[in-house]
């Protein structure tokens, strides 16, 4: 899971930059094609794993996290798990 800026500029932030470095720039192109207007607060988008597939990664989730607050993390995790059950 990747915490991403709302505009899906995946070169911003240490985690996003590391993911792009490992997975390849095609990941940013992919998410911008899926969500051309970017992400609103707490919205997420799924992408392929890019170059990380060779390391057993099946997909990447990119989530816009504007501000964590009381109970928000549980709500977001519940929403994600509804779409991607373990």
PDB file of N, CA and C in Angstrom:
ATOM      1  N   UNK A   1       0.838  -1.165   0.000  1.00  0.00           N
ATOM      2  CA  UNK A   1       0.000   0.000   0.000  1.00  0.00           C
ATOM      3  C   UNK A   1       0.887   1.233   0.000  1.00  0.00           C
ATOM      4  N   UNK A   2       0.490   2.199  -0.779  1.00  0.00           N
ATOM      5  CA  UNK A   2       1.258   3.421  -0.957  1.00  0.00           C
ATOM      6  C   UNK A   2       0.407   4.629  -0.595  1.00  0.00           C
ATOM      7  N   UNK A   3       0.918   5.469   0.275  1.00  0.00           N
ATOM      8  CA  UNK A   3       0.268   6.732   0.580  1.00  0.00           C
ATOM      9  C   UNK A   3       0.651   7.706  -0.530  1.00  0.00           C
ATOM     10  N   UNK A   4      -0.345   8.160  -1.290  1.00  0.00           N
ATOM     11  CA  UNK A   4      -0.081   8.979  -2.469  1.00  0.00           C
ATOM     12  C   UNK A   4      -0.708  10.363  -2.337  1.00  0.00           C
ATOM     13  N   UNK A   5      -0.143  11.322  -3.034  1.00  0.00           N
ATOM     14  CA  UNK A   5      -0.745  12.649  -3.080  1.00  0.00           C
ATOM     15  C   UNK A   5      -2.006  12.572  -3.941  1.00  0.00           C
ATOM     16  N   UNK A   6      -2.928  13.480  -3.708  1.00  0.00           N
ATOM     17  CA  UNK A   6      -4.190  13.475  -4.437  1.00  0.00           C
ATOM     18  C   UNK A   6      -4.032  13.610  -5.944  1.00  0.00           C
ATOM     19  N   UNK A   7      -2.961  14.273  -6.388  1.00  0.00           N
ATOM     20  CA  UNK A   7      -2.742  14.439  -7.829  1.00  0.00           C
ATOM     21  C   UNK A   7      -2.032  13.237  -8.452  1.00  0.00           C
ATOM     22  N   UNK A   8      -1.763  12.217  -7.639  1.00  0.00           N
ATOM     23  CA  UNK A   8      -1.101  10.979  -8.074  1.00  0.00           C
ATOM     24  C   UNK A   8       0.291  11.208  -8.652  1.00  0.00           C
ATOM     25  N   UNK A   9       0.964  12.220  -8.157  1.00  0.00           N
ATOM     26  CA  UNK A   9       2.372  12.417  -8.499  1.00  0.00           C
ATOM     27  C   UNK A   9       3.158  11.475  -7.598  1.00  0.00           C
ATOM     28  N   UNK A  10       3.483  10.300  -8.115  1.00  0.00           N
ATOM     29  CA  UNK A  10       4.104   9.266  -7.298  1.00  0.00           C
ATOM     30  C   UNK A  10       5.593   9.484  -7.061  1.00  0.00           C
ATOM     31  N   UNK A  11       6.139  10.568  -7.590  1.00  0.00           N
ATOM     32  CA  UNK A  11       7.541  10.875  -7.286  1.00  0.00           C
ATOM     33  C   UNK A  11       7.644  11.708  -6.009  1.00  0.00           C
ATOM     34  N   UNK A  12       6.496  12.149  -5.464  1.00  0.00           N
ATOM     35  CA  UNK A  12       6.483  12.905  -4.216  1.00  0.00           C
ATOM     36  C   UNK A  12       6.434  11.942  -3.040  1.00  0.00           C
ATOM     37  N   UNK A  13       7.169  12.255  -1.999  1.00  0.00           N
ATOM     38  CA  UNK A  13       7.150  11.431  -0.798  1.00  0.00           C
ATOM     39  C   UNK A  13       8.120  10.271  -0.898  1.00  0.00           C
ATOM     40  N   UNK A  14       8.705   9.941   0.212  1.00  0.00           N
ATOM     41  CA  UNK A  14       9.733   8.896   0.239  1.00  0.00           C
ATOM     42  C   UNK A  14       9.192   7.528  -0.151  1.00  0.00           C
ATOM     43  N   UNK A  15       8.022   7.162   0.349  1.00  0.00           N
ATOM     44  CA  UNK A  15       7.469   5.837   0.053  1.00  0.00           C
ATOM     45  C   UNK A  15       7.083   5.737  -1.417  1.00  0.00           C
ATOM     46  N   UNK A  16       6.365   6.728  -1.925  1.00  0.00           N
ATOM     47  CA  UNK A  16       5.972   6.709  -3.340  1.00  0.00           C
ATOM     48  C   UNK A  16       7.187   6.683  -4.255  1.00  0.00           C
ATOM     49  N   UNK A  17       8.178   7.496  -3.944  1.00  0.00           N
ATOM     50  CA  UNK A  17       9.387   7.531  -4.776  1.00  0.00           C
ATOM     51  C   UNK A  17      10.101   6.183  -4.774  1.00  0.00           C
ATOM     52  N   UNK A  18      10.145   5.533  -3.621  1.00  0.00           N
ATOM     53  CA  UNK A  18      10.786   4.217  -3.543  1.00  0.00           C
ATOM     54  C   UNK A  18      10.002   3.176  -4.342  1.00  0.00           C
ATOM     55  N   UNK A  19       8.681   3.259  -4.273  1.00  0.00           N
ATOM     56  CA  UNK A  19       7.857   2.315  -5.036  1.00  0.00           C
ATOM     57  C   UNK A  19       8.045   2.519  -6.530  1.00  0.00           C
ATOM     58  N   UNK A  20       8.036   3.770  -6.983  1.00  0.00           N
ATOM     59  CA  UNK A  20       8.253   4.053  -8.405  1.00  0.00           C
ATOM     60  C   UNK A  20       9.636   3.593  -8.848  1.00  0.00           C
ATOM     61  N   UNK A  21      10.612   3.806  -8.006  1.00  0.00           N
ATOM     62  CA  UNK A  21      11.970   3.380  -8.328  1.00  0.00           C
ATOM     63  C   UNK A  21      12.036   1.868  -8.533  1.00  0.00           C
ATOM     64  N   UNK A  22      11.345   1.128  -7.674  1.00  0.00           N
ATOM     65  CA  UNK A  22      11.380  -0.340  -7.765  1.00  0.00           C
ATOM     66  C   UNK A  22      10.403  -0.895  -8.792  1.00  0.00           C
ATOM     67  N   UNK A  23       9.198  -0.333  -8.854  1.00  0.00           N
ATOM     68  CA  UNK A  23       8.154  -0.883  -9.721  1.00  0.00           C
ATOM     69  C   UNK A  23       8.229  -0.355 -11.147  1.00  0.00           C
ATOM     70  N   UNK A  24       8.797   0.836 -11.308  1.00  0.00           N
ATOM     71  CA  UNK A  24       8.925   1.429 -12.631  1.00  0.00           C
ATOM     72  C   UNK A  24       7.938   2.553 -12.855  1.00  0.00           C
ATOM     73  N   UNK A  25       8.281   3.488 -13.735  1.00  0.00           N
ATOM     74  CA  UNK A  25       7.444   4.671 -13.982  1.00  0.00           C
ATOM     75  C   UNK A  25       6.094   4.353 -14.612  1.00  0.00           C
ATOM     76  N   UNK A  26       5.953   3.163 -15.165  1.00  0.00           N
ATOM     77  CA  UNK A  26       4.672   2.798 -15.780  1.00  0.00           C
ATOM     78  C   UNK A  26       3.546   2.763 -14.747  1.00  0.00           C
ATOM     79  N   UNK A  27       3.876   2.614 -13.467  1.00  0.00           N
ATOM     80  CA  UNK A  27       2.855   2.588 -12.417  1.00  0.00           C
ATOM     81  C   UNK A  27       2.145   3.936 -12.347  1.00  0.00           C
ATOM     82  N   UNK A  28       2.912   5.030 -12.392  1.00  0.00           N
ATOM     83  CA  UNK A  28       2.294   6.356 -12.340  1.00  0.00           C
ATOM     84  C   UNK A  28       1.424   6.599 -13.570  1.00  0.00           C
ATOM     85  N   UNK A  29       1.879   6.180 -14.719  1.00  0.00           N
ATOM     86  CA  UNK A  29       1.086   6.318 -15.949  1.00  0.00           C
ATOM     87  C   UNK A  29      -0.218   5.539 -15.802  1.00  0.00           C
ATOM     88  N   UNK A  30      -0.119   4.342 -15.275  1.00  0.00           N
ATOM     89  CA  UNK A  30      -1.287   3.474 -15.107  1.00  0.00           C
ATOM     90  C   UNK A  30      -2.339   4.101 -14.183  1.00  0.00           C
ATOM     91  N   UNK A  31      -1.917   4.592 -13.012  1.00  0.00           N
ATOM     92  CA  UNK A  31      -2.905   5.147 -12.074  1.00  0.00           C
ATOM     93  C   UNK A  31      -3.517   6.441 -12.613  1.00  0.00           C
ATOM     94  N   UNK A  32      -2.742   7.212 -13.351  1.00  0.00           N
ATOM     95  CA  UNK A  32      -3.288   8.449 -13.929  1.00  0.00           C
ATOM     96  C   UNK A  32      -4.263   8.157 -15.065  1.00  0.00           C
ATOM     97  N   UNK A  33      -4.119   7.020 -15.741  1.00  0.00           N
ATOM     98  CA  UNK A  33      -5.092   6.622 -16.758  1.00  0.00           C
ATOM     99  C   UNK A  33      -6.389   6.164 -16.098  1.00  0.00           C
ATOM    100  N   UNK A  34      -6.267   5.484 -14.961  1.00  0.00           N
ATOM    101  CA  UNK A  34      -7.450   5.003 -14.245  1.00  0.00           C
ATOM    102  C   UNK A  34      -8.185   6.164 -13.577  1.00  0.00           C
ATOM    103  N   UNK A  35      -7.443   7.072 -12.965  1.00  0.00           N
ATOM    104  CA  UNK A  35      -8.002   8.206 -12.223  1.00  0.00           C
ATOM    105  C   UNK A  35      -7.408   9.504 -12.760  1.00  0.00           C
ATOM    106  N   UNK A  36      -7.818   9.963 -13.953  1.00  0.00           N
ATOM    107  CA  UNK A  36      -7.203  11.148 -14.563  1.00  0.00           C
ATOM    108  C   UNK A  36      -7.383  12.432 -13.746  1.00  0.00           C
ATOM    109  N   UNK A  37      -8.390  12.488 -12.888  1.00  0.00           N
ATOM    110  CA  UNK A  37      -8.608  13.675 -12.055  1.00  0.00           C
ATOM    111  C   UNK A  37      -7.997  13.520 -10.665  1.00  0.00           C
ATOM    112  N   UNK A  38      -7.236  12.483 -10.458  1.00  0.00           N
ATOM    113  CA  UNK A  38      -6.590  12.258  -9.169  1.00  0.00           C
ATOM    114  C   UNK A  38      -7.536  11.645  -8.156  1.00  0.00           C
ATOM    115  N   UNK A  39      -7.099  11.634  -6.908  1.00  0.00           N
ATOM    116  CA  UNK A  39      -7.855  11.032  -5.815  1.00  0.00           C
ATOM    117  C   UNK A  39      -8.362  12.095  -4.860  1.00  0.00           C
ATOM    118  N   UNK A  40      -9.568  11.894  -4.378  1.00  0.00           N
ATOM    119  CA  UNK A  40     -10.098  12.724  -3.301  1.00  0.00           C
ATOM    120  C   UNK A  40      -9.627  12.118  -1.986  1.00  0.00           C
ATOM    121  N   UNK A  41      -9.869  12.813  -0.901  1.00  0.00           N
ATOM    122  CA  UNK A  41      -9.447  12.304   0.397  1.00  0.00           C
ATOM    123  C   UNK A  41      -9.960  10.909   0.680  1.00  0.00           C
ATOM    124  N   UNK A  42      -9.076  10.024   1.057  1.00  0.00           N
ATOM    125  CA  UNK A  42      -9.344   8.636   1.438  1.00  0.00           C
ATOM    126  C   UNK A  42      -9.789   7.754   0.293  1.00  0.00           C
ATOM    127  N   UNK A  43      -9.667   8.217  -0.916  1.00  0.00           N
ATOM    128  CA  UNK A  43      -9.971   7.398  -2.082  1.00  0.00           C
ATOM    129  C   UNK A  43      -8.714   6.607  -2.430  1.00  0.00           C
ATOM    130  N   UNK A  44      -8.884   5.452  -3.042  1.00  0.00           N
ATOM    131  CA  UNK A  44      -7.714   4.678  -3.439  1.00  0.00           C
ATOM    132  C   UNK A  44      -7.895   4.105  -4.832  1.00  0.00           C
ATOM    133  N   UNK A  45      -6.760   3.727  -5.423  1.00  0.00           N
ATOM    134  CA  UNK A  45      -6.760   3.146  -6.757  1.00  0.00           C
ATOM    135  C   UNK A  45      -5.760   1.987  -6.770  1.00  0.00           C
ATOM    136  N   UNK A  46      -6.109   0.959  -7.508  1.00  0.00           N
ATOM    137  CA  UNK A  46      -5.252  -0.216  -7.636  1.00  0.00           C
ATOM    138  C   UNK A  46      -4.456  -0.124  -8.929  1.00  0.00           C
ATOM    139  N   UNK A  47      -3.198  -0.543  -8.869  1.00  0.00           N
ATOM    140  CA  UNK A  47      -2.384  -0.641 -10.080  1.00  0.00           C
ATOM    141  C   UNK A  47      -1.740  -2.025 -10.118  1.00  0.00           C
ATOM    142  N   UNK A  48      -1.146  -2.326 -11.238  1.00  0.00           N
ATOM    143  CA  UNK A  48      -0.353  -3.548 -11.321  1.00  0.00           C
ATOM    144  C   UNK A  48       0.884  -3.381 -10.430  1.00  0.00           C
ATOM    145  N   UNK A  49       1.639  -4.419 -10.286  1.00  0.00           N
ATOM    146  CA  UNK A  49       2.856  -4.364  -9.479  1.00  0.00           C
ATOM    147  C   UNK A  49       4.065  -3.923 -10.306  1.00  0.00           C
ATOM    148  N   UNK A  50       3.878  -3.782 -11.610  1.00  0.00           N
ATOM    149  CA  UNK A  50       5.007  -3.378 -12.450  1.00  0.00           C
ATOM    150  C   UNK A  50       6.174  -4.337 -12.316  1.00  0.00           C
ATOM    151  N   UNK A  51       7.361  -3.790 -12.160  1.00  0.00           N
ATOM    152  CA  UNK A  51       8.573  -4.605 -12.041  1.00  0.00           C
ATOM    153  C   UNK A  51       8.634  -5.406 -10.744  1.00  0.00           C
ATOM    154  N   UNK A  52       7.744  -5.122  -9.799  1.00  0.00           N
ATOM    155  CA  UNK A  52       7.744  -5.853  -8.526  1.00  0.00           C
ATOM    156  C   UNK A  52       7.073  -7.219  -8.642  1.00  0.00           C
ATOM    157  N   UNK A  53       6.430  -7.509  -9.786  1.00  0.00           N
ATOM    158  CA  UNK A  53       5.814  -8.824  -9.973  1.00  0.00           C
ATOM    159  C   UNK A  53       6.844  -9.931  -9.851  1.00  0.00           C
ATOM    160  N   UNK A  54       8.047  -9.671 -10.282  1.00  0.00           N
ATOM    161  CA  UNK A  54       9.099 -10.686 -10.204  1.00  0.00           C
ATOM    162  C   UNK A  54       9.484 -11.001  -8.765  1.00  0.00           C
ATOM    163  N   UNK A  55       9.054 -10.144  -7.831  1.00  0.00           N
ATOM    164  CA  UNK A  55       9.335 -10.374  -6.408  1.00  0.00           C
ATOM    165  C   UNK A  55       8.095 -10.859  -5.661  1.00  0.00           C
ATOM    166  N   UNK A  56       7.087 -11.272  -6.407  1.00  0.00           N
ATOM    167  CA  UNK A  56       5.890 -11.844  -5.806  1.00  0.00           C
ATOM    168  C   UNK A  56       4.802 -10.853  -5.435  1.00  0.00           C
ATOM    169  N   UNK A  57       4.972  -9.578  -5.777  1.00  0.00           N
ATOM    170  CA  UNK A  57       3.938  -8.576  -5.506  1.00  0.00           C
ATOM    171  C   UNK A  57       2.882  -8.696  -6.601  1.00  0.00           C
ATOM    172  N   UNK A  58       1.610  -8.795  -6.201  1.00  0.00           N
ATOM    173  CA  UNK A  58       0.540  -8.988  -7.177  1.00  0.00           C
ATOM    174  C   UNK A  58      -0.085  -7.687  -7.653  1.00  0.00           C
ATOM    175  N   UNK A  59      -0.140  -6.679  -6.782  1.00  0.00           N
ATOM    176  CA  UNK A  59      -0.741  -5.403  -7.129  1.00  0.00           C
ATOM    177  C   UNK A  59      -0.272  -4.362  -6.125  1.00  0.00           C
ATOM    178  N   UNK A  60      -0.545  -3.110  -6.436  1.00  0.00           N
ATOM    179  CA  UNK A  60      -0.258  -2.006  -5.519  1.00  0.00           C
ATOM    180  C   UNK A  60      -1.538  -1.211  -5.302  1.00  0.00           C
ATOM    181  N   UNK A  61      -1.750  -0.775  -4.068  1.00  0.00           N
ATOM    182  CA  UNK A  61      -2.850   0.125  -3.751  1.00  0.00           C
ATOM    183  C   UNK A  61      -2.272   1.476  -3.403  1.00  0.00           C
ATOM    184  N   UNK A  62      -2.814   2.517  -3.996  1.00  0.00           N
ATOM    185  CA  UNK A  62      -2.357   3.883  -3.767  1.00  0.00           C
ATOM    186  C   UNK A  62      -3.528   4.631  -3.137  1.00  0.00           C
ATOM    187  N   UNK A  63      -3.311   5.203  -1.968  1.00  0.00           N
ATOM    188  CA  UNK A  63      -4.393   5.845  -1.224  1.00  0.00           C
ATOM    189  C   UNK A  63      -4.026   7.278  -0.880  1.00  0.00           C
ATOM    190  N   UNK A  64      -5.000   8.167  -1.034  1.00  0.00           N
ATOM    191  CA  UNK A  64      -4.824   9.566  -0.666  1.00  0.00           C
ATOM    192  C   UNK A  64      -5.178   9.712   0.812  1.00  0.00           C
ATOM    193  N   UNK A  65      -4.213  10.090   1.622  1.00  0.00           N
ATOM    194  CA  UNK A  65      -4.394  10.201   3.074  1.00  0.00           C
ATOM    195  C   UNK A  65      -4.186  11.643   3.512  1.00  0.00           C
ATOM    196  N   UNK A  66      -5.209  12.492   3.392  1.00  0.00           N
ATOM    197  CA  UNK A  66      -5.022  13.904   3.716  1.00  0.00           C
ATOM    198  C   UNK A  66      -4.760  14.167   5.193  1.00  0.00           C
ATOM    199  N   UNK A  67      -5.451  13.465   6.085  1.00  0.00           N
ATOM    200  CA  UNK A  67      -5.239  13.693   7.518  1.00  0.00           C
ATOM    201  C   UNK A  67      -5.810  12.526   8.303  1.00  0.00           C
ATOM    202  N   UNK A  68      -4.947  11.921   9.113  1.00  0.00           N
ATOM    203  CA  UNK A  68      -5.417  10.840   9.976  1.00  0.00           C
ATOM    204  C   UNK A  68      -6.085  11.456  11.185  1.00  0.00           C
ATOM    205  N   UNK A  69      -7.175  10.881  11.606  1.00  0.00           N
ATOM    206  CA  UNK A  69      -7.875  11.347  12.796  1.00  0.00           C
ATOM    207  C   UNK A  69      -8.475  10.164  13.526  1.00  0.00           C
ATOM    208  N   UNK A  70      -9.086  10.433  14.636  1.00  0.00           N
ATOM    209  CA  UNK A  70      -9.658   9.385  15.455  1.00  0.00           C
ATOM    210  C   UNK A  70     -10.677   8.570  14.659  1.00  0.00           C
ATOM    211  N   UNK A  71     -10.452   7.275  14.564  1.00  0.00           N
ATOM    212  CA  UNK A  71     -11.363   6.378  13.881  1.00  0.00           C
ATOM    213  C   UNK A  71     -11.203   6.315  12.379  1.00  0.00           C
ATOM    214  N   UNK A  72     -10.501   7.256  11.786  1.00  0.00           N
ATOM    215  CA  UNK A  72     -10.375   7.294  10.327  1.00  0.00           C
ATOM    216  C   UNK A  72      -9.598   6.082   9.812  1.00  0.00           C
ATOM    217  N   UNK A  73      -8.505   5.729  10.458  1.00  0.00           N
ATOM    218  CA  UNK A  73      -7.688   4.624   9.966  1.00  0.00           C
ATOM    219  C   UNK A  73      -8.497   3.329   9.922  1.00  0.00           C
ATOM    220  N   UNK A  74      -9.331   3.091  10.923  1.00  0.00           N
ATOM    221  CA  UNK A  74     -10.158   1.883  10.941  1.00  0.00           C
ATOM    222  C   UNK A  74     -11.180   1.904   9.815  1.00  0.00           C
ATOM    223  N   UNK A  75     -11.767   3.070   9.562  1.00  0.00           N
ATOM    224  CA  UNK A  75     -12.748   3.192   8.485  1.00  0.00           C
ATOM    225  C   UNK A  75     -12.111   2.924   7.125  1.00  0.00           C
ATOM    226  N   UNK A  76     -10.932   3.482   6.915  1.00  0.00           N
ATOM    227  CA  UNK A  76     -10.238   3.298   5.639  1.00  0.00           C
ATOM    228  C   UNK A  76      -9.841   1.840   5.467  1.00  0.00           C
ATOM    229  N   UNK A  77      -9.278   1.233   6.505  1.00  0.00           N
ATOM    230  CA  UNK A  77      -8.874  -0.170   6.419  1.00  0.00           C
ATOM    231  C   UNK A  77     -10.087  -1.062   6.148  1.00  0.00           C
ATOM    232  N   UNK A  78     -11.203  -0.795   6.797  1.00  0.00           N
ATOM    233  CA  UNK A  78     -12.428  -1.571   6.569  1.00  0.00           C
ATOM    234  C   UNK A  78     -12.874  -1.449   5.117  1.00  0.00           C
ATOM    235  N   UNK A  79     -12.837  -0.240   4.581  1.00  0.00           N
ATOM    236  CA  UNK A  79     -13.235  -0.010   3.187  1.00  0.00           C
ATOM    237  C   UNK A  79     -12.333  -0.791   2.231  1.00  0.00           C
ATOM    238  N   UNK A  80     -11.043  -0.751   2.475  1.00  0.00           N
ATOM    239  CA  UNK A  80     -10.104  -1.467   1.612  1.00  0.00           C
ATOM    240  C   UNK A  80     -10.325  -2.966   1.692  1.00  0.00           C
ATOM    241  N   UNK A  81     -10.506  -3.479   2.902  1.00  0.00           N
ATOM    242  CA  UNK A  81     -10.681  -4.920   3.069  1.00  0.00           C
ATOM    243  C   UNK A  81     -12.006  -5.420   2.465  1.00  0.00           C
ATOM    244  N   UNK A  82     -12.982  -4.545   2.325  1.00  0.00           N
ATOM    245  CA  UNK A  82     -14.222  -4.928   1.651  1.00  0.00           C
ATOM    246  C   UNK A  82     -13.951  -5.248   0.178  1.00  0.00           C
ATOM    247  N   UNK A  83     -13.027  -4.524  -0.435  1.00  0.00           N
ATOM    248  CA  UNK A  83     -12.688  -4.737  -1.838  1.00  0.00           C
ATOM    249  C   UNK A  83     -11.608  -5.797  -2.031  1.00  0.00           C
ATOM    250  N   UNK A  84     -10.728  -5.929  -1.050  1.00  0.00           N
ATOM    251  CA  UNK A  84      -9.576  -6.817  -1.150  1.00  0.00           C
ATOM    252  C   UNK A  84      -9.494  -7.696   0.090  1.00  0.00           C
ATOM    253  N   UNK A  85     -10.419  -8.653   0.254  1.00  0.00           N
ATOM    254  CA  UNK A  85     -10.391  -9.489   1.458  1.00  0.00           C
ATOM    255  C   UNK A  85      -9.124 -10.330   1.513  1.00  0.00           C
ATOM    256  N   UNK A  86      -8.659 -10.553   2.725  1.00  0.00           N
ATOM    257  CA  UNK A  86      -7.423 -11.339   2.916  1.00  0.00           C
ATOM    258  C   UNK A  86      -7.636 -12.786   2.580  1.00  0.00           C
TER     259      UNK A  86
END
